[in-house]
All heavy atoms as atom14 arrays in JSON, in Angstrom:
{
  "sequence": "NDGWYTAHKKVCQSCAARERSTQGIGKEPYKPDPGERVYTSYDRPTD",
  "atom14_mask": [
    [1, 1, 1, 1, 1, 1, 1, 1, 0, 0, 0, 0, 0, 0],
    [1, 1, 1, 1, 1, 1, 1, 1, 0, 0, 0, 0, 0, 0],
    [1, 1, 1, 1, 0, 0, 0, 0, 0, 0, 0, 0, 0, 0],
    [1, 1, 1, 1, 1, 1, 1, 1, 1, 1, 1, 1, 1, 1],
    [1, 1, 1, 1, 1, 1, 1, 1, 1, 1, 1, 1, 0, 0],
    [1, 1, 1, 1, 1, 1, 1, 0, 0, 0, 0, 0, 0, 0],
    [1, 1, 1, 1, 1, 0, 0, 0, 0, 0, 0, 0, 0, 0],
    [1, 1, 1, 1, 1, 1, 1, 1, 1, 1, 0, 0, 0, 0],
    [1, 1, 1, 1, 1, 1, 1, 1, 1, 0, 0, 0, 0, 0],
    [1, 1, 1, 1, 1, 1, 1, 1, 1, 0, 0, 0, 0, 0],
    [1, 1, 1, 1, 1, 1, 1, 0, 0, 0, 0, 0, 0, 0],
    [1, 1, 1, 1, 1, 1, 0, 0, 0, 0, 0, 0, 0, 0],
    [1, 1, 1, 1, 1, 1, 1, 1, 1, 0, 0, 0, 0, 0],
    [1, 1, 1, 1, 1, 1, 0, 0, 0, 0, 0, 0, 0, 0],
    [1, 1, 1, 1, 1, 1, 0, 0, 0, 0, 0, 0, 0, 0],
    [1, 1, 1, 1, 1, 0, 0, 0, 0, 0, 0, 0, 0, 0],
    [1, 1, 1, 1, 1, 0, 0, 0, 0, 0, 0, 0, 0, 0],
    [1, 1, 1, 1, 1, 1, 1, 1, 1, 1, 1, 0, 0, 0],
    [1, 1, 1, 1, 1, 1, 1, 1, 1, 0, 0, 0, 0, 0],
    [1, 1, 1, 1, 1, 1, 1, 1, 1, 1, 1, 0, 0, 0],
    [1, 1, 1, 1, 1, 1, 0, 0, 0, 0, 0, 0, 0, 0],
    [1, 1, 1, 1, 1, 1, 1, 0, 0, 0, 0, 0, 0, 0],
    [1, 1, 1, 1, 1, 1, 1, 1, 1, 0, 0, 0, 0, 0],
    [1, 1, 1, 1, 0, 0, 0, 0, 0, 0, 0, 0, 0, 0],
    [1, 1, 1, 1, 1, 1, 1, 1, 0, 0, 0, 0, 0, 0],
    [1, 1, 1, 1, 0, 0, 0, 0, 0, 0, 0, 0, 0, 0],
    [1, 1, 1, 1, 1, 1, 1, 1, 1, 0, 0, 0, 0, 0],
    [1, 1, 1, 1, 1, 1, 1, 1, 1, 0, 0, 0, 0, 0],
    [1, 1, 1, 1, 1, 1, 1, 0, 0, 0, 0, 0, 0, 0],
    [1, 1, 1, 1, 1, 1, 1, 1, 1, 1, 1, 1, 0, 0],
    [1, 1, 1, 1, 1, 1, 1, 1, 1, 0, 0, 0, 0, 0],
    [1, 1, 1, 1, 1, 1, 1, 0, 0, 0, 0, 0, 0, 0],
    [1, 1, 1, 1, 1, 1, 1, 1, 0, 0, 0, 0, 0, 0],
    [1, 1, 1, 1, 1, 1, 1, 0, 0, 0, 0, 0, 0, 0],
    [1, 1, 1, 1, 0, 0, 0, 0, 0, 0, 0, 0, 0, 0],
    [1, 1, 1, 1, 1, 1, 1, 1, 1, 0, 0, 0, 0, 0],
    [1, 1, 1, 1, 1, 1, 1, 1, 1, 1, 1, 0, 0, 0],
    [1, 1, 1, 1, 1, 1, 1, 0, 0, 0, 0, 0, 0, 0],
    [1, 1, 1, 1, 1, 1, 1, 1, 1, 1, 1, 1, 0, 0],
    [1, 1, 1, 1, 1, 1, 1, 0, 0, 0, 0, 0, 0, 0],
    [1, 1, 1, 1, 1, 1, 0, 0, 0, 0, 0, 0, 0, 0],
    [1, 1, 1, 1, 1, 1, 1, 1, 1, 1, 1, 1, 0, 0],
    [1, 1, 1, 1, 1, 1, 1, 1, 0, 0, 0, 0, 0, 0],
    [1, 1, 1, 1, 1, 1, 1, 1, 1, 1, 1, 0, 0, 0],
    [1, 1, 1, 1, 1, 1, 1, 0, 0, 0, 0, 0, 0, 0],
    [1, 1, 1, 1, 1, 1, 1, 0, 0, 0, 0, 0, 0, 0],
    [1, 1, 1, 1, 1, 1, 1, 1, 0, 0, 0, 0, 0, 0]
  ],
  "atom14_positions": [
    [[21.91, -45.77, -22.55], [23.13, -46.1, -23.28], [24.38, -45.99, -22.42], [25.49, -46.11, -22.92], [23.27, -45.22, -24.53], [22.36, -45.71, -25.63], [22.11, -46.91, -25.73], [21.87, -44.81, -26.45], [0.0, 0.0, 0.0], [0.0, 0.0, 0.0], [0.0, 0.0, 0.0], [0.0, 0.0, 0.0], [0.0, 0.0, 0.0], [0.0, 0.0, 0.0]],
    [[24.2, -45.79, -21.11], [25.35, -45.77, -20.21], [26.02, -47.14, -20.24], [25.39, -48.16, -20.05], [24.9, -45.43, -18.79], [26.07, -45.31, -17.81], [27.21, -45.1, -18.27], [25.83, -45.44, -16.6], [0.0, 0.0, 0.0], [0.0, 0.0, 0.0], [0.0, 0.0, 0.0], [0.0, 0.0, 0.0], [0.0, 0.0, 0.0], [0.0, 0.0, 0.0]],
    [[27.31, -47.13, -20.52], [28.06, -48.37, -20.59], [28.12, -48.98, -21.98], [28.78, -50.0, -22.18], [0.0, 0.0, 0.0], [0.0, 0.0, 0.0], [0.0, 0.0, 0.0], [0.0, 0.0, 0.0], [0.0, 0.0, 0.0], [0.0, 0.0, 0.0], [0.0, 0.0, 0.0], [0.0, 0.0, 0.0], [0.0, 0.0, 0.0], [0.0, 0.0, 0.0]],
    [[27.43, -48.39, -22.94], [27.41, -48.94, -24.29], [28.31, -48.19, -25.27], [28.23, -48.37, -26.47], [25.98, -48.99, -24.82], [25.19, -50.03, -24.1], [24.26, -49.81, -23.11], [25.27, -51.44, -24.25], [23.77, -50.99, -22.65], [24.37, -52.02, -23.34], [26.02, -52.28, -25.07], [24.2, -53.39, -23.23], [25.84, -53.65, -24.96], [24.94, -54.19, -24.05]],
    [[29.18, -47.35, -24.75], [30.17, -46.67, -25.58], [31.55, -47.09, -25.12], [31.79, -47.28, -23.94], [30.04, -45.14, -25.46], [28.88, -44.59, -26.26], [27.65, -44.37, -25.67], [29.04, -44.28, -27.6], [26.59, -43.87, -26.4], [27.98, -43.79, -28.34], [26.75, -43.58, -27.74], [25.71, -43.09, -28.46], [0.0, 0.0, 0.0], [0.0, 0.0, 0.0]],
    [[32.43, -47.27, -26.06], [33.81, -47.63, -25.78], [34.7, -46.49, -26.26], [34.55, -46.01, -27.39], [34.2, -48.93, -26.51], [33.29, -49.95, -26.12], [35.61, -49.34, -26.17], [0.0, 0.0, 0.0], [0.0, 0.0, 0.0], [0.0, 0.0, 0.0], [0.0, 0.0, 0.0], [0.0, 0.0, 0.0], [0.0, 0.0, 0.0], [0.0, 0.0, 0.0]],
    [[35.61, -46.05, -25.41], [36.54, -44.98, -25.78], [37.74, -45.57, -26.52], [38.24, -46.63, -26.15], [37.0, -44.24, -24.54], [0.0, 0.0, 0.0], [0.0, 0.0, 0.0], [0.0, 0.0, 0.0], [0.0, 0.0, 0.0], [0.0, 0.0, 0.0], [0.0, 0.0, 0.0], [0.0, 0.0, 0.0], [0.0, 0.0, 0.0], [0.0, 0.0, 0.0]],
    [[38.15, -44.89, -27.56], [39.32, -45.3, -28.34], [40.25, -44.1, -28.42], [39.8, -42.96, -28.46], [38.92, -45.72, -29.75], [37.9, -46.8, -29.78], [38.22, -48.12, -29.71], [36.54, -46.73, -29.86], [37.11, -48.85, -29.75], [36.08, -48.03, -29.84], [0.0, 0.0, 0.0], [0.0, 0.0, 0.0], [0.0, 0.0, 0.0], [0.0, 0.0, 0.0]],
    [[41.54, -44.37, -28.44], [42.51, -43.28, -28.55], [43.23, -43.36, -29.88], [43.65, -44.45, -30.3], [43.53, -43.34, -27.41], [42.92, -43.06, -26.06], [43.98, -43.09, -24.98], [43.36, -42.82, -23.62], [44.35, -42.82, -22.56], [0.0, 0.0, 0.0], [0.0, 0.0, 0.0], [0.0, 0.0, 0.0], [0.0, 0.0, 0.0], [0.0, 0.0, 0.0]],
    [[43.37, -42.25, -30.53], [44.13, -42.12, -31.77], [44.95, -40.86, -31.66], [44.55, -39.9, -31.0], [43.2, -41.99, -32.98], [42.32, -43.16, -33.24], [42.88, -43.99, -34.33], [41.93, -45.13, -34.62], [42.46, -46.06, -35.52], [0.0, 0.0, 0.0], [0.0, 0.0, 0.0], [0.0, 0.0, 0.0], [0.0, 0.0, 0.0], [0.0, 0.0, 0.0]],
    [[46.07, -40.84, -32.31], [46.9, -39.63, -32.34], [46.78, -39.02, -33.73], [47.07, -39.68, -34.73], [48.37, -39.94, -32.02], [49.23, -38.7, -32.19], [48.5, -40.49, -30.62], [0.0, 0.0, 0.0], [0.0, 0.0, 0.0], [0.0, 0.0, 0.0], [0.0, 0.0, 0.0], [0.0, 0.0, 0.0], [0.0, 0.0, 0.0], [0.0, 0.0, 0.0]],
    [[46.33, -37.8, -33.78], [46.29, -37.06, -35.04], [47.66, -36.39, -35.18], [48.0, -35.5, -34.4], [45.17, -36.03, -35.03], [45.19, -34.96, -36.48], [0.0, 0.0, 0.0], [0.0, 0.0, 0.0], [0.0, 0.0, 0.0], [0.0, 0.0, 0.0], [0.0, 0.0, 0.0], [0.0, 0.0, 0.0], [0.0, 0.0, 0.0], [0.0, 0.0, 0.0]],
    [[48.43, -36.81, -36.15], [49.78, -36.28, -36.32], [49.76, -34.8, -36.7], [50.65, -34.04, -36.33], [50.54, -37.11, -37.37], [50.68, -38.57, -37.0], [51.33, -38.8, -35.66], [52.2, -38.06, -35.22], [50.92, -39.86, -34.97], [0.0, 0.0, 0.0], [0.0, 0.0, 0.0], [0.0, 0.0, 0.0], [0.0, 0.0, 0.0], [0.0, 0.0, 0.0]],
    [[48.73, -34.38, -37.4], [48.6, -32.97, -37.76], [48.36, -32.12, -36.51], [49.02, -31.1, -36.3], [47.45, -32.79, -38.75], [47.23, -31.44, -39.03], [0.0, 0.0, 0.0], [0.0, 0.0, 0.0], [0.0, 0.0, 0.0], [0.0, 0.0, 0.0], [0.0, 0.0, 0.0], [0.0, 0.0, 0.0], [0.0, 0.0, 0.0], [0.0, 0.0, 0.0]],
    [[47.42, -32.55, -35.65], [47.15, -31.82, -34.41], [48.38, -31.83, -33.5], [48.68, -30.82, -32.86], [45.96, -32.43, -33.68], [44.38, -32.17, -34.51], [0.0, 0.0, 0.0], [0.0, 0.0, 0.0], [0.0, 0.0, 0.0], [0.0, 0.0, 0.0], [0.0, 0.0, 0.0], [0.0, 0.0, 0.0], [0.0, 0.0, 0.0], [0.0, 0.0, 0.0]],
    [[49.09, -32.96, -33.45], [50.28, -33.06, -32.6], [51.34, -32.05, -33.04], [51.95, -31.37, -32.21], [50.85, -34.47, -32.64], [0.0, 0.0, 0.0], [0.0, 0.0, 0.0], [0.0, 0.0, 0.0], [0.0, 0.0, 0.0], [0.0, 0.0, 0.0], [0.0, 0.0, 0.0], [0.0, 0.0, 0.0], [0.0, 0.0, 0.0], [0.0, 0.0, 0.0]],
    [[51.55, -31.92, -34.35], [52.53, -30.95, -34.85], [52.11, -29.52, -34.52], [52.93, -28.7, -34.1], [52.7, -31.1, -36.36], [0.0, 0.0, 0.0], [0.0, 0.0, 0.0], [0.0, 0.0, 0.0], [0.0, 0.0, 0.0], [0.0, 0.0, 0.0], [0.0, 0.0, 0.0], [0.0, 0.0, 0.0], [0.0, 0.0, 0.0], [0.0, 0.0, 0.0]],
    [[50.82, -29.22, -34.68], [50.32, -27.89, -34.37], [50.47, -27.59, -32.88], [50.91, -26.51, -32.48], [48.86, -27.75, -34.81], [48.33, -26.34, -34.63], [46.87, -26.21, -35.0], [46.06, -26.98, -34.08], [45.25, -27.97, -34.45], [45.15, -28.32, -35.7], [44.55, -28.62, -33.55], [0.0, 0.0, 0.0], [0.0, 0.0, 0.0], [0.0, 0.0, 0.0]],
    [[50.13, -28.56, -32.03], [50.22, -28.34, -30.59], [51.67, -28.2, -30.13], [51.97, -27.38, -29.26], [49.51, -29.48, -29.85], [48.0, -29.4, -30.03], [47.27, -30.67, -29.64], [47.9, -31.59, -29.06], [46.06, -30.75, -29.94], [0.0, 0.0, 0.0], [0.0, 0.0, 0.0], [0.0, 0.0, 0.0], [0.0, 0.0, 0.0], [0.0, 0.0, 0.0]],
    [[52.59, -28.97, -30.73], [54.0, -28.82, -30.39], [54.5, -27.43, -30.76], [55.3, -26.83, -30.03], [54.84, -29.88, -31.1], [54.8, -31.25, -30.45], [55.86, -32.18, -31.04], [55.68, -32.42, -32.46], [54.96, -33.42, -32.98], [54.36, -34.29, -32.18], [54.85, -33.58, -34.27], [0.0, 0.0, 0.0], [0.0, 0.0, 0.0], [0.0, 0.0, 0.0]],
    [[54.04, -26.91, -31.88], [54.54, -25.6, -32.34], [53.97, -24.45, -31.52], [54.49, -23.34, -31.58], [54.21, -25.39, -33.82], [52.85, -25.12, -34.01], [0.0, 0.0, 0.0], [0.0, 0.0, 0.0], [0.0, 0.0, 0.0], [0.0, 0.0, 0.0], [0.0, 0.0, 0.0], [0.0, 0.0, 0.0], [0.0, 0.0, 0.0], [0.0, 0.0, 0.0]],
    [[52.92, -24.69, -30.75], [52.31, -23.62, -29.97], [52.47, -23.79, -28.47], [51.84, -23.08, -27.69], [50.81, -23.49, -30.31], [50.16, -24.73, -30.05], [50.59, -23.09, -31.75], [0.0, 0.0, 0.0], [0.0, 0.0, 0.0], [0.0, 0.0, 0.0], [0.0, 0.0, 0.0], [0.0, 0.0, 0.0], [0.0, 0.0, 0.0], [0.0, 0.0, 0.0]],
    [[53.33, -24.72, -28.06], [53.59, -24.86, -26.63], [54.59, -23.79, -26.22], [55.52, -23.46, -26.95], [54.16, -26.24, -26.31], [53.12, -27.33, -26.43], [53.7, -28.7, -26.19], [54.91, -28.88, -26.18], [52.83, -29.68, -25.99], [0.0, 0.0, 0.0], [0.0, 0.0, 0.0], [0.0, 0.0, 0.0], [0.0, 0.0, 0.0], [0.0, 0.0, 0.0]],
    [[54.39, -23.26, -25.05], [55.31, -22.24, -24.55], [56.66, -22.82, -24.19], [56.77, -24.0, -23.85], [0.0, 0.0, 0.0], [0.0, 0.0, 0.0], [0.0, 0.0, 0.0], [0.0, 0.0, 0.0], [0.0, 0.0, 0.0], [0.0, 0.0, 0.0], [0.0, 0.0, 0.0], [0.0, 0.0, 0.0], [0.0, 0.0, 0.0], [0.0, 0.0, 0.0]],
    [[57.68, -22.02, -24.25], [59.02, -22.45, -23.87], [59.21, -22.11, -22.4], [59.07, -20.96, -21.99], [60.09, -21.75, -24.74], [59.86, -22.1, -26.21], [61.48, -22.12, -24.29], [60.72, -21.31, -27.16], [0.0, 0.0, 0.0], [0.0, 0.0, 0.0], [0.0, 0.0, 0.0], [0.0, 0.0, 0.0], [0.0, 0.0, 0.0], [0.0, 0.0, 0.0]],
    [[59.53, -23.11, -21.6], [59.72, -22.87, -20.17], [58.42, -22.48, -19.5], [57.41, -23.14, -19.65], [0.0, 0.0, 0.0], [0.0, 0.0, 0.0], [0.0, 0.0, 0.0], [0.0, 0.0, 0.0], [0.0, 0.0, 0.0], [0.0, 0.0, 0.0], [0.0, 0.0, 0.0], [0.0, 0.0, 0.0], [0.0, 0.0, 0.0], [0.0, 0.0, 0.0]],
    [[58.43, -21.34, -18.79], [57.25, -20.9, -18.06], [56.41, -19.91, -18.85], [55.35, -19.5, -18.42], [57.67, -20.28, -16.74], [58.32, -21.29, -15.8], [58.66, -20.67, -14.47], [59.28, -21.71, -13.55], [59.62, -21.18, -12.25], [0.0, 0.0, 0.0], [0.0, 0.0, 0.0], [0.0, 0.0, 0.0], [0.0, 0.0, 0.0], [0.0, 0.0, 0.0]],
    [[56.91, -19.46, -19.99], [56.16, -18.5, -20.81], [55.13, -19.22, -21.68], [55.5, -20.03, -22.53], [57.12, -17.74, -21.74], [57.82, -16.58, -21.1], [56.85, -15.49, -20.65], [56.0, -15.06, -21.46], [56.93, -15.09, -19.49], [0.0, 0.0, 0.0], [0.0, 0.0, 0.0], [0.0, 0.0, 0.0], [0.0, 0.0, 0.0], [0.0, 0.0, 0.0]],
    [[53.86, -18.96, -21.48], [52.86, -19.58, -22.35], [52.91, -18.98, -23.75], [53.32, -17.84, -23.93], [51.54, -19.27, -21.66], [51.8, -18.05, -20.86], [53.26, -18.1, -20.49], [0.0, 0.0, 0.0], [0.0, 0.0, 0.0], [0.0, 0.0, 0.0], [0.0, 0.0, 0.0], [0.0, 0.0, 0.0], [0.0, 0.0, 0.0], [0.0, 0.0, 0.0]],
    [[52.51, -19.77, -24.72], [52.47, -19.31, -26.1], [51.41, -18.22, -26.23], [50.29, -18.35, -25.77], [52.13, -20.48, -27.02], [51.9, -20.09, -28.44], [52.97, -19.78, -29.27], [50.62, -20.03, -28.97], [52.77, -19.42, -30.59], [50.41, -19.67, -30.27], [51.48, -19.37, -31.09], [51.27, -19.0, -32.39], [0.0, 0.0, 0.0], [0.0, 0.0, 0.0]],
    [[51.77, -17.12, -26.86], [50.84, -16.02, -27.09], [50.84, -15.72, -28.58], [51.81, -15.19, -29.11], [51.26, -14.78, -26.31], [51.18, -14.95, -24.82], [51.59, -13.7, -24.09], [51.61, -13.95, -22.59], [52.14, -12.83, -21.84], [0.0, 0.0, 0.0], [0.0, 0.0, 0.0], [0.0, 0.0, 0.0], [0.0, 0.0, 0.0], [0.0, 0.0, 0.0]],
    [[49.75, -16.06, -29.29], [49.72, -15.81, -30.72], [49.63, -14.31, -31.02], [49.11, -13.54, -30.24], [48.45, -16.53, -31.19], [47.59, -16.59, -29.97], [48.53, -16.66, -28.8], [0.0, 0.0, 0.0], [0.0, 0.0, 0.0], [0.0, 0.0, 0.0], [0.0, 0.0, 0.0], [0.0, 0.0, 0.0], [0.0, 0.0, 0.0], [0.0, 0.0, 0.0]],
    [[50.17, -13.95, -32.17], [50.02, -12.58, -32.64], [48.56, -12.37, -33.02], [47.85, -13.32, -33.34], [50.92, -12.33, -33.85], [52.4, -12.34, -33.49], [52.72, -11.97, -32.34], [53.21, -12.72, -34.34], [0.0, 0.0, 0.0], [0.0, 0.0, 0.0], [0.0, 0.0, 0.0], [0.0, 0.0, 0.0], [0.0, 0.0, 0.0], [0.0, 0.0, 0.0]],
    [[48.07, -11.12, -33.0], [46.68, -10.87, -33.39], [46.41, -11.45, -34.78], [47.16, -11.21, -35.73], [46.58, -9.35, -33.39], [47.64, -8.9, -32.43], [48.76, -9.9, -32.59], [0.0, 0.0, 0.0], [0.0, 0.0, 0.0], [0.0, 0.0, 0.0], [0.0, 0.0, 0.0], [0.0, 0.0, 0.0], [0.0, 0.0, 0.0], [0.0, 0.0, 0.0]],
    [[45.37, -12.23, -34.87], [44.97, -12.82, -36.14], [45.76, -14.05, -36.55], [45.47, -14.65, -37.59], [0.0, 0.0, 0.0], [0.0, 0.0, 0.0], [0.0, 0.0, 0.0], [0.0, 0.0, 0.0], [0.0, 0.0, 0.0], [0.0, 0.0, 0.0], [0.0, 0.0, 0.0], [0.0, 0.0, 0.0], [0.0, 0.0, 0.0], [0.0, 0.0, 0.0]],
    [[46.74, -14.44, -35.77], [47.57, -15.59, -36.14], [46.78, -16.89, -36.04], [46.08, -17.13, -35.06], [48.79, -15.68, -35.23], [49.69, -16.85, -35.53], [50.87, -16.95, -34.59], [50.8, -16.4, -33.47], [51.86, -17.57, -34.97], [0.0, 0.0, 0.0], [0.0, 0.0, 0.0], [0.0, 0.0, 0.0], [0.0, 0.0, 0.0], [0.0, 0.0, 0.0]],
    [[46.89, -17.72, -37.06], [46.29, -19.04, -37.06], [47.39, -20.04, -37.38], [48.18, -19.83, -38.29], [45.2, -19.18, -38.13], [44.03, -18.21, -37.96], [43.24, -18.53, -36.71], [42.1, -17.66, -36.54], [42.08, -16.57, -35.8], [43.17, -16.17, -35.17], [41.0, -15.86, -35.67], [0.0, 0.0, 0.0], [0.0, 0.0, 0.0], [0.0, 0.0, 0.0]],
    [[47.46, -21.09, -36.62], [48.46, -22.12, -36.86], [47.78, -23.27, -37.59], [46.76, -23.77, -37.16], [49.08, -22.62, -35.53], [50.09, -23.72, -35.79], [49.71, -21.46, -34.78], [0.0, 0.0, 0.0], [0.0, 0.0, 0.0], [0.0, 0.0, 0.0], [0.0, 0.0, 0.0], [0.0, 0.0, 0.0], [0.0, 0.0, 0.0], [0.0, 0.0, 0.0]],
    [[48.33, -23.63, -38.73], [47.77, -24.73, -39.5], [48.91, -25.65, -39.93], [50.08, -25.32, -39.81], [47.01, -24.21, -40.72], [47.88, -23.54, -41.74], [48.38, -24.25, -42.83], [48.22, -22.19, -41.63], [49.2, -23.64, -43.76], [49.03, -21.58, -42.55], [49.51, -22.31, -43.63], [50.32, -21.71, -44.54], [0.0, 0.0, 0.0], [0.0, 0.0, 0.0]],
    [[48.55, -26.81, -40.41], [49.56, -27.77, -40.86], [49.36, -28.05, -42.34], [48.29, -27.82, -42.89], [49.46, -29.09, -40.08], [48.17, -29.65, -40.29], [49.7, -28.88, -38.59], [0.0, 0.0, 0.0], [0.0, 0.0, 0.0], [0.0, 0.0, 0.0], [0.0, 0.0, 0.0], [0.0, 0.0, 0.0], [0.0, 0.0, 0.0], [0.0, 0.0, 0.0]],
    [[50.4, -28.54, -42.96], [50.31, -29.01, -44.35], [50.91, -30.4, -44.41], [51.79, -30.75, -43.61], [51.05, -28.05, -45.29], [52.41, -27.97, -44.95], [0.0, 0.0, 0.0], [0.0, 0.0, 0.0], [0.0, 0.0, 0.0], [0.0, 0.0, 0.0], [0.0, 0.0, 0.0], [0.0, 0.0, 0.0], [0.0, 0.0, 0.0], [0.0, 0.0, 0.0]],
    [[50.44, -31.21, -45.32], [50.92, -32.58, -45.48], [52.05, -32.55, -46.49], [51.84, -32.29, -47.67], [49.78, -33.49, -45.94], [50.13, -34.95, -45.97], [50.45, -35.62, -44.8], [50.14, -35.67, -47.15], [50.76, -36.98, -44.8], [50.45, -37.01, -47.17], [50.76, -37.67, -46.0], [51.07, -39.0, -46.0], [0.0, 0.0, 0.0], [0.0, 0.0, 0.0]],
    [[53.28, -32.79, -46.02], [54.46, -32.6, -46.85], [55.24, -33.9, -47.11], [56.42, -33.84, -47.44], [55.4, -31.58, -46.18], [54.72, -30.25, -45.94], [53.92, -29.83, -46.79], [54.99, -29.62, -44.9], [0.0, 0.0, 0.0], [0.0, 0.0, 0.0], [0.0, 0.0, 0.0], [0.0, 0.0, 0.0], [0.0, 0.0, 0.0], [0.0, 0.0, 0.0]],
    [[54.6, -35.04, -46.99], [55.29, -36.31, -47.2], [55.72, -36.4, -48.67], [54.91, -36.23, -49.57], [54.38, -37.47, -46.86], [55.05, -38.82, -46.95], [54.04, -39.96, -46.65], [54.74, -41.16, -46.31], [55.14, -41.48, -45.1], [54.91, -40.66, -44.1], [55.78, -42.59, -44.86], [0.0, 0.0, 0.0], [0.0, 0.0, 0.0], [0.0, 0.0, 0.0]],
    [[57.01, -36.7, -48.92], [57.47, -36.82, -50.31], [56.84, -38.02, -51.0], [56.57, -39.04, -50.38], [58.99, -37.01, -50.18], [59.33, -36.81, -48.76], [58.08, -36.88, -47.97], [0.0, 0.0, 0.0], [0.0, 0.0, 0.0], [0.0, 0.0, 0.0], [0.0, 0.0, 0.0], [0.0, 0.0, 0.0], [0.0, 0.0, 0.0], [0.0, 0.0, 0.0]],
    [[56.63, -37.91, -52.29], [56.01, -39.0, -53.04], [56.9, -40.24, -53.08], [56.4, -41.34, -53.26], [55.67, -38.57, -54.47], [56.87, -38.07, -55.09], [54.61, -37.48, -54.48], [0.0, 0.0, 0.0], [0.0, 0.0, 0.0], [0.0, 0.0, 0.0], [0.0, 0.0, 0.0], [0.0, 0.0, 0.0], [0.0, 0.0, 0.0], [0.0, 0.0, 0.0]],
    [[58.21, -40.06, -52.91], [59.1, -41.22, -52.92], [59.19, -41.9, -51.55], [59.96, -42.83, -51.36], [60.5, -40.83, -53.41], [61.19, -39.83, -52.49], [60.49, -39.12, -51.75], [62.44, -39.77, -52.53], [0.0, 0.0, 0.0], [0.0, 0.0, 0.0], [0.0, 0.0, 0.0], [0.0, 0.0, 0.0], [0.0, 0.0, 0.0], [0.0, 0.0, 0.0]]
  ]
}
């Protein structure tokens, strides 16, 4: 099956928001608090 797969790129907006919120500022890497989990919620208004 070598050569029989095609790669596709998609952007997951939820993952992008989570990754942006956990990027370090400047040279300091992001360090979560013990037990901290970063999650997203879908907050699009119905209107």
